[in-house]
Amino acid sequence: MTEWITAPDLTDYAKATAFMEARAAAIAAGTADELIWLVEHPPLYTAGTSAKAQDLLSARFPVHETGRGGQYTYHGPGQRVIYVMLDLNRRGRDVRAFVQSLENWVIDALAEFNLKGEIREGRVGVWIARPDKAPLSDGSMREDKIAAIGVKLRKWVSFHGISINVEPDLTHYAGIVPCGIQGHGVTSLVDMGLPVGMTDLDLALRQTFPGRFPPLAG
């Protein structure tokens, strides 16, 4: 069984990390069910294991060092953070396949709103093509990131996870180079002209989850 919890208020980042550490340990020990935890955080930046100091342009919000994969990212109100605590001992010990399943889960959820999310080689996360924007200097189409992914595994139990922009203040990304990627930008469901709220996204996530992460037997 995979439990779902939705936090009612903004969740302190340090407390969230401590909770995930404890829950992942309990899942590994067989004393707790898997968990999908839906939260929002107050404005902050997190630095993954590949973060580069030069990509922190302006520390306008608290910066948290974290053990997840990836570089710098932003969390804040209006962004749905999905902490994914799943047992890969039972789902297959394949990190690449797991990350791809997370990306495809996001793409499936976005498709519920007729929005086409895409994956790009060498760029983890989910992207939206923006033919309405000026192309990059090399003539290639500009793309905006709508979802970031950064996970950590301990004893083959995952934690950390996904962030999807519903209606955050996109100017808050100006303090970092998001995920170390220059040129391309960030977007959100509302920025794309979709009148989607957090509850709408949560429902789409729940509906599409079993298609990528089937219920465990037993």
C-alpha atoms as a PDB file:
ATOM      1  CA  MET A   1       0.000   0.000   0.000  1.00  0.00           C
ATOM      2  CA  THR A   2       1.149   3.511  -0.820  1.00  0.00           C
ATOM      3  CA  GLU A   3      -0.111   6.117   1.636  1.00  0.00           C
ATOM      4  CA  TRP A   4      -0.874   9.686   0.530  1.00  0.00           C
ATOM      5  CA  ILE A   5      -0.640  12.697   2.853  1.00  0.00           C
ATOM      6  CA  THR A   6      -1.298  16.331   1.937  1.00  0.00           C
ATOM      7  CA  ALA A   7       0.215  18.923   4.287  1.00  0.00           C
ATOM      8  CA  PRO A   8      -2.355  21.664   5.033  1.00  0.00           C
ATOM      9  CA  ASP A   9       0.120  24.524   5.582  1.00  0.00           C
ATOM     10  CA  LEU A  10       3.576  25.604   4.482  1.00  0.00           C
ATOM     11  CA  THR A  11       6.068  22.980   5.636  1.00  0.00           C
ATOM     12  CA  ASP A  12       9.429  23.854   7.189  1.00  0.00           C
ATOM     13  CA  TYR A  13      12.171  22.378   5.008  1.00  0.00           C
ATOM     14  CA  ALA A  14      14.399  21.067   7.808  1.00  0.00           C
ATOM     15  CA  LYS A  15      11.434  19.374   9.458  1.00  0.00           C
ATOM     16  CA  ALA A  16      10.409  17.855   6.129  1.00  0.00           C
ATOM     17  CA  THR A  17      13.880  16.411   5.628  1.00  0.00           C
ATOM     18  CA  ALA A  18      13.905  14.896   9.110  1.00  0.00           C
ATOM     19  CA  PHE A  19      10.477  13.386   8.534  1.00  0.00           C
ATOM     20  CA  MET A  20      11.552  11.853   5.218  1.00  0.00           C
ATOM     21  CA  GLU A  21      14.711  10.393   6.742  1.00  0.00           C
ATOM     22  CA  ALA A  22      12.679   8.704   9.477  1.00  0.00           C
ATOM     23  CA  ARG A  23       9.966   7.456   7.139  1.00  0.00           C
ATOM     24  CA  ALA A  24      12.458   6.070   4.611  1.00  0.00           C
ATOM     25  CA  ALA A  25      14.213   4.185   7.397  1.00  0.00           C
ATOM     26  CA  ALA A  26      10.898   2.750   8.579  1.00  0.00           C
ATOM     27  CA  ILE A  27       9.980   1.670   5.035  1.00  0.00           C
ATOM     28  CA  ALA A  28      13.360  -0.046   4.669  1.00  0.00           C
ATOM     29  CA  ALA A  29      12.785  -1.802   7.994  1.00  0.00           C
ATOM     30  CA  GLY A  30       9.346  -2.965   6.890  1.00  0.00           C
ATOM     31  CA  THR A  31       7.531  -1.053   9.635  1.00  0.00           C
ATOM     32  CA  ALA A  32       5.852   1.619   7.461  1.00  0.00           C
ATOM     33  CA  ASP A  33       4.065   1.815   4.142  1.00  0.00           C
ATOM     34  CA  GLU A  34       5.340   3.706   1.135  1.00  0.00           C
ATOM     35  CA  LEU A  35       4.338   7.373   1.143  1.00  0.00           C
ATOM     36  CA  ILE A  36       3.572  10.158  -1.296  1.00  0.00           C
ATOM     37  CA  TRP A  37       3.729  13.395   0.689  1.00  0.00           C
ATOM     38  CA  LEU A  38       2.357  16.562  -0.931  1.00  0.00           C
ATOM     39  CA  VAL A  39       3.669  19.807   0.548  1.00  0.00           C
ATOM     40  CA  GLU A  40       4.378  23.480  -0.102  1.00  0.00           C
ATOM     41  CA  HIS A  41       7.391  25.229   1.374  1.00  0.00           C
ATOM     42  CA  PRO A  42       8.084  28.863   2.268  1.00  0.00           C
ATOM     43  CA  PRO A  43      10.490  30.482  -0.238  1.00  0.00           C
ATOM     44  CA  LEU A  44      13.910  28.793  -0.196  1.00  0.00           C
ATOM     45  CA  TYR A  45      16.681  27.408  -2.359  1.00  0.00           C
ATOM     46  CA  THR A  46      18.089  23.904  -2.115  1.00  0.00           C
ATOM     47  CA  ALA A  47      21.510  22.751  -3.274  1.00  0.00           C
ATOM     48  CA  GLY A  48      21.796  19.193  -4.537  1.00  0.00           C
ATOM     49  CA  THR A  49      24.944  17.101  -4.602  1.00  0.00           C
ATOM     50  CA  SER A  50      26.023  18.564  -7.973  1.00  0.00           C
ATOM     51  CA  ALA A  51      25.370  22.235  -7.102  1.00  0.00           C
ATOM     52  CA  LYS A  52      28.008  24.729  -8.239  1.00  0.00           C
ATOM     53  CA  ALA A  53      28.725  27.808  -6.137  1.00  0.00           C
ATOM     54  CA  GLN A  54      28.589  30.138  -9.155  1.00  0.00           C
ATOM     55  CA  ASP A  55      24.978  29.091  -9.828  1.00  0.00           C
ATOM     56  CA  LEU A  56      23.823  30.764  -6.608  1.00  0.00           C
ATOM     57  CA  LEU A  57      23.453  34.280  -7.991  1.00  0.00           C
ATOM     58  CA  SER A  58      21.697  35.937  -5.043  1.00  0.00           C
ATOM     59  CA  ALA A  59      20.851  34.197  -1.763  1.00  0.00           C
ATOM     60  CA  ARG A  60      17.653  36.179  -1.312  1.00  0.00           C
ATOM     61  CA  PHE A  61      16.074  33.218   0.496  1.00  0.00           C
ATOM     62  CA  PRO A  62      17.480  30.594   2.902  1.00  0.00           C
ATOM     63  CA  VAL A  63      19.731  28.053   1.201  1.00  0.00           C
ATOM     64  CA  HIS A  64      19.557  24.422   2.319  1.00  0.00           C
ATOM     65  CA  GLU A  65      22.251  21.887   1.518  1.00  0.00           C
ATOM     66  CA  THR A  66      20.568  18.596   0.715  1.00  0.00           C
ATOM     67  CA  GLY A  67      21.677  15.120  -0.201  1.00  0.00           C
ATOM     68  CA  ARG A  68      19.384  14.742  -3.194  1.00  0.00           C
ATOM     69  CA  GLY A  69      20.749  14.577  -6.708  1.00  0.00           C
ATOM     70  CA  GLY A  70      20.843  17.648  -8.926  1.00  0.00           C
ATOM     71  CA  GLN A  71      21.920  21.249  -8.535  1.00  0.00           C
ATOM     72  CA  TYR A  72      20.170  24.398  -7.263  1.00  0.00           C
ATOM     73  CA  THR A  73      16.425  24.660  -7.306  1.00  0.00           C
ATOM     74  CA  TYR A  74      13.735  26.858  -5.784  1.00  0.00           C
ATOM     75  CA  HIS A  75      10.777  25.891  -3.606  1.00  0.00           C
ATOM     76  CA  GLY A  76       8.005  28.220  -2.531  1.00  0.00           C
ATOM     77  CA  PRO A  77       4.275  28.862  -2.235  1.00  0.00           C
ATOM     78  CA  GLY A  78       2.330  27.947  -5.344  1.00  0.00           C
ATOM     79  CA  GLN A  79       4.653  25.056  -6.134  1.00  0.00           C
ATOM     80  CA  ARG A  80       3.597  21.501  -5.407  1.00  0.00           C
ATOM     81  CA  VAL A  81       6.429  19.487  -3.915  1.00  0.00           C
ATOM     82  CA  ILE A  82       5.883  15.734  -4.100  1.00  0.00           C
ATOM     83  CA  TYR A  83       8.079  13.760  -1.736  1.00  0.00           C
ATOM     84  CA  VAL A  84       8.229  10.216  -3.036  1.00  0.00           C
ATOM     85  CA  MET A  85       9.123   7.526  -0.511  1.00  0.00           C
ATOM     86  CA  LEU A  86       8.970   4.266  -2.439  1.00  0.00           C
ATOM     87  CA  ASP A  87      10.593   0.895  -1.863  1.00  0.00           C
ATOM     88  CA  LEU A  88      12.786   0.083  -4.856  1.00  0.00           C
ATOM     89  CA  ASN A  89      13.729  -3.203  -3.233  1.00  0.00           C
ATOM     90  CA  ARG A  90      10.250  -4.258  -4.318  1.00  0.00           C
ATOM     91  CA  ARG A  91       9.892  -2.062  -7.398  1.00  0.00           C
ATOM     92  CA  GLY A  92      13.222  -2.831  -9.040  1.00  0.00           C
ATOM     93  CA  ARG A  93      16.691  -1.550  -8.195  1.00  0.00           C
ATOM     94  CA  ASP A  94      17.076   0.567 -11.316  1.00  0.00           C
ATOM     95  CA  VAL A  95      17.704   4.240 -10.588  1.00  0.00           C
ATOM     96  CA  ARG A  96      17.522   5.367 -14.214  1.00  0.00           C
ATOM     97  CA  ALA A  97      14.211   3.586 -14.764  1.00  0.00           C
ATOM     98  CA  PHE A  98      12.877   5.048 -11.508  1.00  0.00           C
ATOM     99  CA  VAL A  99      13.720   8.620 -12.533  1.00  0.00           C
ATOM    100  CA  GLN A 100      12.168   8.033 -15.950  1.00  0.00           C
ATOM    101  CA  SER A 101       9.010   6.755 -14.271  1.00  0.00           C
ATOM    102  CA  LEU A 102       8.867   9.926 -12.159  1.00  0.00           C
ATOM    103  CA  GLU A 103       9.272  12.085 -15.273  1.00  0.00           C
ATOM    104  CA  ASN A 104       6.587  10.149 -17.126  1.00  0.00           C
ATOM    105  CA  TRP A 105       4.253  10.389 -14.141  1.00  0.00           C
ATOM    106  CA  VAL A 106       4.560  14.179 -14.295  1.00  0.00           C
ATOM    107  CA  ILE A 107       3.972  14.109 -18.060  1.00  0.00           C
ATOM    108  CA  ASP A 108       0.849  11.980 -17.562  1.00  0.00           C
ATOM    109  CA  ALA A 109      -0.472  14.415 -14.928  1.00  0.00           C
ATOM    110  CA  LEU A 110       0.166  17.439 -17.160  1.00  0.00           C
ATOM    111  CA  ALA A 111      -1.644  15.696 -20.012  1.00  0.00           C
ATOM    112  CA  GLU A 112      -4.774  15.748 -17.847  1.00  0.00           C
ATOM    113  CA  PHE A 113      -4.765  19.514 -18.560  1.00  0.00           C
ATOM    114  CA  ASN A 114      -3.874  19.067 -22.251  1.00  0.00           C
ATOM    115  CA  LEU A 115      -0.361  20.345 -21.608  1.00  0.00           C
ATOM    116  CA  LYS A 116       2.475  18.500 -23.344  1.00  0.00           C
ATOM    117  CA  GLY A 117       5.450  17.912 -21.072  1.00  0.00           C
ATOM    118  CA  GLU A 118       8.638  16.551 -22.606  1.00  0.00           C
ATOM    119  CA  ILE A 119      11.905  14.939 -21.519  1.00  0.00           C
ATOM    120  CA  ARG A 120      15.264  16.125 -22.841  1.00  0.00           C
ATOM    121  CA  GLU A 121      18.454  14.072 -22.937  1.00  0.00           C
ATOM    122  CA  GLY A 122      20.934  15.395 -20.393  1.00  0.00           C
ATOM    123  CA  ARG A 123      18.330  17.611 -18.695  1.00  0.00           C
ATOM    124  CA  VAL A 124      16.476  15.888 -15.858  1.00  0.00           C
ATOM    125  CA  GLY A 125      12.981  17.168 -15.313  1.00  0.00           C
ATOM    126  CA  VAL A 126       9.986  17.995 -17.493  1.00  0.00           C
ATOM    127  CA  TRP A 127      10.043  20.729 -20.135  1.00  0.00           C
ATOM    128  CA  ILE A 128       7.517  22.733 -22.151  1.00  0.00           C
ATOM    129  CA  ALA A 129       8.397  23.827 -25.697  1.00  0.00           C
ATOM    130  CA  ARG A 130       7.916  27.587 -26.162  1.00  0.00           C
ATOM    131  CA  PRO A 131       7.620  28.429 -29.876  1.00  0.00           C
ATOM    132  CA  ASP A 132       5.930  31.658 -28.740  1.00  0.00           C
ATOM    133  CA  LYS A 133       9.254  32.910 -27.323  1.00  0.00           C
ATOM    134  CA  ALA A 134      12.329  34.164 -29.163  1.00  0.00           C
ATOM    135  CA  PRO A 135      14.692  31.279 -30.013  1.00  0.00           C
ATOM    136  CA  LEU A 136      18.082  30.828 -28.391  1.00  0.00           C
ATOM    137  CA  SER A 137      21.181  32.382 -29.986  1.00  0.00           C
ATOM    138  CA  ASP A 138      21.901  29.157 -31.869  1.00  0.00           C
ATOM    139  CA  GLY A 139      18.418  29.207 -33.366  1.00  0.00           C
ATOM    140  CA  SER A 140      17.051  26.334 -31.294  1.00  0.00           C
ATOM    141  CA  MET A 141      13.624  26.579 -29.709  1.00  0.00           C
ATOM    142  CA  ARG A 142      13.445  27.960 -26.201  1.00  0.00           C
ATOM    143  CA  GLU A 143      12.036  25.612 -23.589  1.00  0.00           C
ATOM    144  CA  ASP A 144      10.808  26.257 -20.060  1.00  0.00           C
ATOM    145  CA  LYS A 145      11.067  23.856 -17.147  1.00  0.00           C
ATOM    146  CA  ILE A 146       7.815  23.153 -15.342  1.00  0.00           C
ATOM    147  CA  ALA A 147       8.941  20.309 -13.074  1.00  0.00           C
ATOM    148  CA  ALA A 148      12.231  19.501 -11.348  1.00  0.00           C
ATOM    149  CA  ILE A 149      13.282  16.077 -10.098  1.00  0.00           C
ATOM    150  CA  GLY A 150      15.911  15.251  -7.493  1.00  0.00           C
ATOM    151  CA  VAL A 151      15.912  12.025  -5.518  1.00  0.00           C
ATOM    152  CA  LYS A 152      17.996  10.286  -2.899  1.00  0.00           C
ATOM    153  CA  LEU A 153      18.135   6.590  -2.106  1.00  0.00           C
ATOM    154  CA  ARG A 154      18.996   4.881   1.149  1.00  0.00           C
ATOM    155  CA  LYS A 155      18.809   1.098   1.387  1.00  0.00           C
ATOM    156  CA  TRP A 156      16.954   1.344  -1.946  1.00  0.00           C
ATOM    157  CA  VAL A 157      14.157   3.445  -0.489  1.00  0.00           C
ATOM    158  CA  SER A 158      13.656   6.779  -2.243  1.00  0.00           C
ATOM    159  CA  PHE A 159      13.017  10.179  -0.742  1.00  0.00           C
ATOM    160  CA  HIS A 160      12.996  13.807  -1.871  1.00  0.00           C
ATOM    161  CA  GLY A 161      11.304  13.788  -5.291  1.00  0.00           C
ATOM    162  CA  ILE A 162       9.496  16.229  -7.580  1.00  0.00           C
ATOM    163  CA  SER A 163       8.438  19.856  -7.695  1.00  0.00           C
ATOM    164  CA  ILE A 164       5.786  21.092 -10.135  1.00  0.00           C
ATOM    165  CA  ASN A 165       5.080  24.775 -10.664  1.00  0.00           C
ATOM    166  CA  VAL A 166       1.386  25.558 -10.315  1.00  0.00           C
ATOM    167  CA  GLU A 167       1.452  29.308  -9.606  1.00  0.00           C
ATOM    168  CA  PRO A 168       4.681  30.256  -7.805  1.00  0.00           C
ATOM    169  CA  ASP A 169       6.339  33.670  -8.108  1.00  0.00           C
ATOM    170  CA  LEU A 170       8.620  32.853 -11.038  1.00  0.00           C
ATOM    171  CA  THR A 171      10.800  35.908 -10.330  1.00  0.00           C
ATOM    172  CA  HIS A 172      12.116  34.023  -7.288  1.00  0.00           C
ATOM    173  CA  TYR A 173      14.109  31.804  -9.648  1.00  0.00           C
ATOM    174  CA  ALA A 174      16.282  34.818 -10.514  1.00  0.00           C
ATOM    175  CA  GLY A 175      18.507  34.136  -7.506  1.00  0.00           C
ATOM    176  CA  ILE A 176      19.841  30.897  -9.018  1.00  0.00           C
ATOM    177  CA  VAL A 177      20.693  29.208 -12.282  1.00  0.00           C
ATOM    178  CA  PRO A 178      17.953  26.573 -12.003  1.00  0.00           C
ATOM    179  CA  CYS A 179      19.508  23.114 -12.196  1.00  0.00           C
ATOM    180  CA  GLY A 180      22.621  24.705 -13.700  1.00  0.00           C
ATOM    181  CA  ILE A 181      20.953  25.194 -17.089  1.00  0.00           C
ATOM    182  CA  GLN A 182      21.540  28.462 -18.929  1.00  0.00           C
ATOM    183  CA  GLY A 183      19.320  29.878 -21.685  1.00  0.00           C
ATOM    184  CA  HIS A 184      16.114  28.045 -20.985  1.00  0.00           C
ATOM    185  CA  GLY A 185      13.641  29.372 -18.431  1.00  0.00           C
ATOM    186  CA  VAL A 186      10.938  28.232 -16.045  1.00  0.00           C
ATOM    187  CA  THR A 187       7.169  28.244 -16.330  1.00  0.00           C
ATOM    188  CA  SER A 188       4.078  27.138 -14.432  1.00  0.00           C
ATOM    189  CA  LEU A 189       0.613  25.826 -15.166  1.00  0.00           C
ATOM    190  CA  VAL A 190      -0.896  29.267 -14.634  1.00  0.00           C
ATOM    191  CA  ASP A 191       1.896  30.936 -16.637  1.00  0.00           C
ATOM    192  CA  MET A 192       0.875  28.652 -19.515  1.00  0.00           C
ATOM    193  CA  GLY A 193      -2.649  30.072 -19.297  1.00  0.00           C
ATOM    194  CA  LEU A 194      -4.235  27.153 -17.476  1.00  0.00           C
ATOM    195  CA  PRO A 195      -6.647  27.962 -14.614  1.00  0.00           C
ATOM    196  CA  VAL A 196      -5.345  25.055 -12.528  1.00  0.00           C
ATOM    197  CA  GLY A 197      -5.187  25.055  -8.741  1.00  0.00           C
ATOM    198  CA  MET A 198      -3.224  22.889  -6.343  1.00  0.00           C
ATOM    199  CA  THR A 199      -6.212  20.616  -5.697  1.00  0.00           C
ATOM    200  CA  ASP A 200      -6.642  20.044  -9.440  1.00  0.00           C
ATOM    201  CA  LEU A 201      -3.005  18.996  -9.787  1.00  0.00           C
ATOM    202  CA  ASP A 202      -3.184  16.750  -6.734  1.00  0.00           C
ATOM    203  CA  LEU A 203      -6.161  14.925  -8.238  1.00  0.00           C
ATOM    204  CA  ALA A 204      -4.339  14.465 -11.553  1.00  0.00           C
ATOM    205  CA  LEU A 205      -1.291  13.091  -9.726  1.00  0.00           C
ATOM    206  CA  ARG A 206      -3.384  10.543  -7.841  1.00  0.00           C
ATOM    207  CA  GLN A 207      -5.231   9.463 -10.976  1.00  0.00           C
ATOM    208  CA  THR A 208      -2.065   8.904 -13.013  1.00  0.00           C
ATOM    209  CA  PHE A 209       0.201   7.435 -10.316  1.00  0.00           C
ATOM    210  CA  PRO A 210      -0.883   3.764 -10.670  1.00  0.00           C
ATOM    211  CA  GLY A 211      -0.059   3.825 -14.375  1.00  0.00           C
ATOM    212  CA  ARG A 212       3.628   4.355 -13.573  1.00  0.00           C
ATOM    213  CA  PHE A 213       3.803   2.817 -10.091  1.00  0.00           C
ATOM    214  CA  PRO A 214       1.409  -0.138  -9.866  1.00  0.00           C
ATOM    215  CA  PRO A 215       0.288  -1.290  -6.414  1.00  0.00           C
ATOM    216  CA  LEU A 216       2.685  -3.715  -4.778  1.00  0.00           C
ATOM    217  CA  ALA A 217       1.538  -7.291  -4.373  1.00  0.00           C
ATOM    218  CA  GLY A 218       0.986  -8.442  -0.830  1.00  0.00           C
END
